Structure formats: structure tokens, C-alpha cells
């Protein structure tokens, strides 16, 4: 299952830098394209507030 970024996101960008398939994009907060996400968890491992989680 793909990861999704919750409203806890503080838009620091740490997750986007770690995504190996560039599935994370910036907007008001960061979001993950579920079609591109490979569920590796790299984003969750670096997020300081735990915003990315598996759906």
C-alpha cells in the first residue's frame, strides 16, 4: 500500500529528498502520488513529525 502524508506535515521537505522514485511533491503541504509510491518507507524514516504513514 502507498504512503500518505497526514495534516501533521510541517512542509520541511525531508521526505521528498529521500524518496527514491520522486513520488512526493510540494504544495500547501507535501503529498505522495499513490501510483508512483513503492511503499519503501524512506519518507517515514526521516520525517520529524511522523506525517507519512501507510494507507
N, C-alpha and C. Protein backbone atom coordinates (compact mmCIF):
# COMPACT_ATOMS: atom_id res chain seq x y z
N UNK A 1 0.84 -1.19 0.00
CA UNK A 1 0.00 0.00 0.00
C UNK A 1 0.88 1.25 0.00
N UNK A 2 0.41 2.27 -0.65
CA UNK A 2 1.15 3.51 -0.76
C UNK A 2 1.12 4.28 0.56
N UNK A 3 2.09 5.14 0.72
CA UNK A 3 2.12 6.03 1.88
C UNK A 3 1.30 7.28 1.58
N UNK A 4 0.82 7.91 2.63
CA UNK A 4 0.07 9.17 2.51
C UNK A 4 0.60 10.10 3.60
N UNK A 5 0.65 11.39 3.31
CA UNK A 5 1.14 12.38 4.27
C UNK A 5 -0.06 13.02 4.97
N UNK A 6 -0.04 12.97 6.29
CA UNK A 6 -1.15 13.49 7.09
C UNK A 6 -1.06 15.01 7.25
N UNK A 7 -2.05 15.57 7.89
CA UNK A 7 -2.09 17.01 8.15
C UNK A 7 -1.03 17.45 9.15
N UNK A 8 -0.32 16.51 9.75
CA UNK A 8 0.77 16.85 10.66
C UNK A 8 1.99 17.41 9.93
N UNK A 9 2.00 17.31 8.61
CA UNK A 9 3.11 17.76 7.78
C UNK A 9 3.47 19.22 8.07
N UNK A 10 4.77 19.46 8.28
CA UNK A 10 5.25 20.83 8.52
C UNK A 10 6.00 21.38 7.31
N UNK A 11 5.90 20.69 6.18
CA UNK A 11 6.49 21.12 4.90
C UNK A 11 7.98 21.39 4.98
N UNK A 12 8.71 20.51 5.68
CA UNK A 12 10.16 20.70 5.80
C UNK A 12 10.92 20.17 4.59
N UNK A 13 10.31 19.23 3.83
CA UNK A 13 10.93 18.71 2.63
C UNK A 13 11.85 17.52 2.83
N UNK A 14 12.04 17.08 4.06
CA UNK A 14 12.94 15.94 4.32
C UNK A 14 12.48 14.69 3.59
N UNK A 15 11.19 14.47 3.54
CA UNK A 15 10.66 13.26 2.90
C UNK A 15 10.91 13.27 1.40
N UNK A 16 10.69 14.38 0.76
CA UNK A 16 10.86 14.48 -0.70
C UNK A 16 12.30 14.20 -1.10
N UNK A 17 13.25 14.65 -0.30
CA UNK A 17 14.66 14.43 -0.60
C UNK A 17 15.02 12.95 -0.53
N UNK A 18 14.32 12.18 0.28
CA UNK A 18 14.65 10.76 0.48
C UNK A 18 13.91 9.82 -0.46
N UNK A 19 12.86 10.28 -1.13
CA UNK A 19 12.05 9.39 -1.97
C UNK A 19 12.84 8.93 -3.20
N UNK A 20 13.07 7.61 -3.33
CA UNK A 20 13.88 7.13 -4.45
C UNK A 20 13.18 7.16 -5.80
N UNK A 21 11.86 7.35 -5.81
CA UNK A 21 11.11 7.37 -7.08
C UNK A 21 10.45 8.73 -7.34
N UNK A 22 10.81 9.74 -6.56
CA UNK A 22 10.28 11.11 -6.71
C UNK A 22 8.75 11.14 -6.71
N UNK A 23 8.13 10.41 -5.79
CA UNK A 23 6.67 10.36 -5.69
C UNK A 23 6.10 11.49 -4.85
N UNK A 24 6.96 12.27 -4.20
CA UNK A 24 6.50 13.31 -3.28
C UNK A 24 6.63 14.67 -3.93
N UNK A 25 5.53 15.43 -3.88
CA UNK A 25 5.54 16.77 -4.46
C UNK A 25 5.10 17.80 -3.41
N UNK A 26 5.52 19.04 -3.63
CA UNK A 26 5.24 20.12 -2.71
C UNK A 26 4.01 20.90 -3.13
N UNK A 27 3.20 21.26 -2.16
CA UNK A 27 2.04 22.13 -2.35
C UNK A 27 1.88 22.91 -1.06
N UNK A 28 0.66 23.07 -0.58
CA UNK A 28 0.46 23.68 0.74
C UNK A 28 1.15 22.81 1.79
N UNK A 29 1.07 21.51 1.58
CA UNK A 29 1.85 20.54 2.34
C UNK A 29 2.35 19.55 1.30
N UNK A 30 3.20 18.66 1.68
CA UNK A 30 3.71 17.67 0.73
C UNK A 30 2.67 16.57 0.53
N UNK A 31 2.68 15.97 -0.65
CA UNK A 31 1.76 14.87 -0.93
C UNK A 31 2.50 13.80 -1.71
N UNK A 32 1.97 12.58 -1.62
CA UNK A 32 2.59 11.43 -2.27
C UNK A 32 1.66 10.90 -3.36
N UNK A 33 2.20 10.73 -4.55
CA UNK A 33 1.44 10.15 -5.65
C UNK A 33 1.34 8.64 -5.40
N UNK A 34 0.13 8.13 -5.13
CA UNK A 34 -0.01 6.70 -4.82
C UNK A 34 0.34 5.78 -5.98
N UNK A 35 0.27 6.29 -7.20
CA UNK A 35 0.61 5.48 -8.38
C UNK A 35 2.13 5.30 -8.52
N UNK A 36 2.89 6.25 -7.99
CA UNK A 36 4.35 6.21 -8.10
C UNK A 36 5.00 5.61 -6.86
N UNK A 37 4.38 5.78 -5.70
CA UNK A 37 4.93 5.30 -4.43
C UNK A 37 5.16 3.79 -4.46
N UNK A 38 6.36 3.38 -4.00
CA UNK A 38 6.70 1.96 -3.95
C UNK A 38 6.64 1.41 -2.51
N UNK A 39 6.11 2.17 -1.60
CA UNK A 39 5.92 1.76 -0.19
C UNK A 39 7.22 1.34 0.48
N UNK A 40 8.30 2.05 0.20
CA UNK A 40 9.59 1.70 0.78
C UNK A 40 9.76 2.21 2.21
N UNK A 41 9.03 3.28 2.56
CA UNK A 41 9.10 3.83 3.91
C UNK A 41 10.23 4.81 4.15
N UNK A 42 10.99 5.13 3.12
CA UNK A 42 12.11 6.07 3.30
C UNK A 42 11.61 7.42 3.82
N UNK A 43 10.47 7.85 3.34
CA UNK A 43 9.92 9.14 3.77
C UNK A 43 9.56 9.13 5.26
N UNK A 44 8.95 8.05 5.70
CA UNK A 44 8.53 7.94 7.10
C UNK A 44 9.74 7.91 8.03
N UNK A 45 10.82 7.33 7.56
CA UNK A 45 12.02 7.22 8.38
C UNK A 45 12.71 8.53 8.67
N UNK A 46 12.51 9.53 7.83
CA UNK A 46 13.20 10.82 8.03
C UNK A 46 12.27 11.94 8.50
N UNK A 47 10.98 11.72 8.52
CA UNK A 47 10.03 12.78 8.89
C UNK A 47 10.11 13.08 10.39
N UNK A 48 10.36 14.34 10.76
CA UNK A 48 10.48 14.69 12.17
C UNK A 48 9.16 14.66 12.94
N UNK A 49 8.03 14.67 12.23
CA UNK A 49 6.73 14.67 12.91
C UNK A 49 5.90 13.42 12.61
N UNK A 50 6.46 12.48 11.88
CA UNK A 50 5.75 11.23 11.59
C UNK A 50 4.55 11.39 10.67
N UNK A 51 4.59 12.35 9.76
CA UNK A 51 3.44 12.60 8.89
C UNK A 51 3.19 11.51 7.85
N UNK A 52 4.21 10.94 7.22
CA UNK A 52 3.93 9.88 6.24
C UNK A 52 3.60 8.55 6.94
N UNK A 53 2.54 7.92 6.48
CA UNK A 53 2.15 6.62 7.03
C UNK A 53 1.48 5.81 5.93
N UNK A 54 1.53 4.49 6.05
CA UNK A 54 0.87 3.64 5.06
C UNK A 54 -0.63 3.82 5.15
N UNK A 55 -1.28 3.83 3.99
CA UNK A 55 -2.74 3.96 3.96
C UNK A 55 -3.37 2.66 4.37
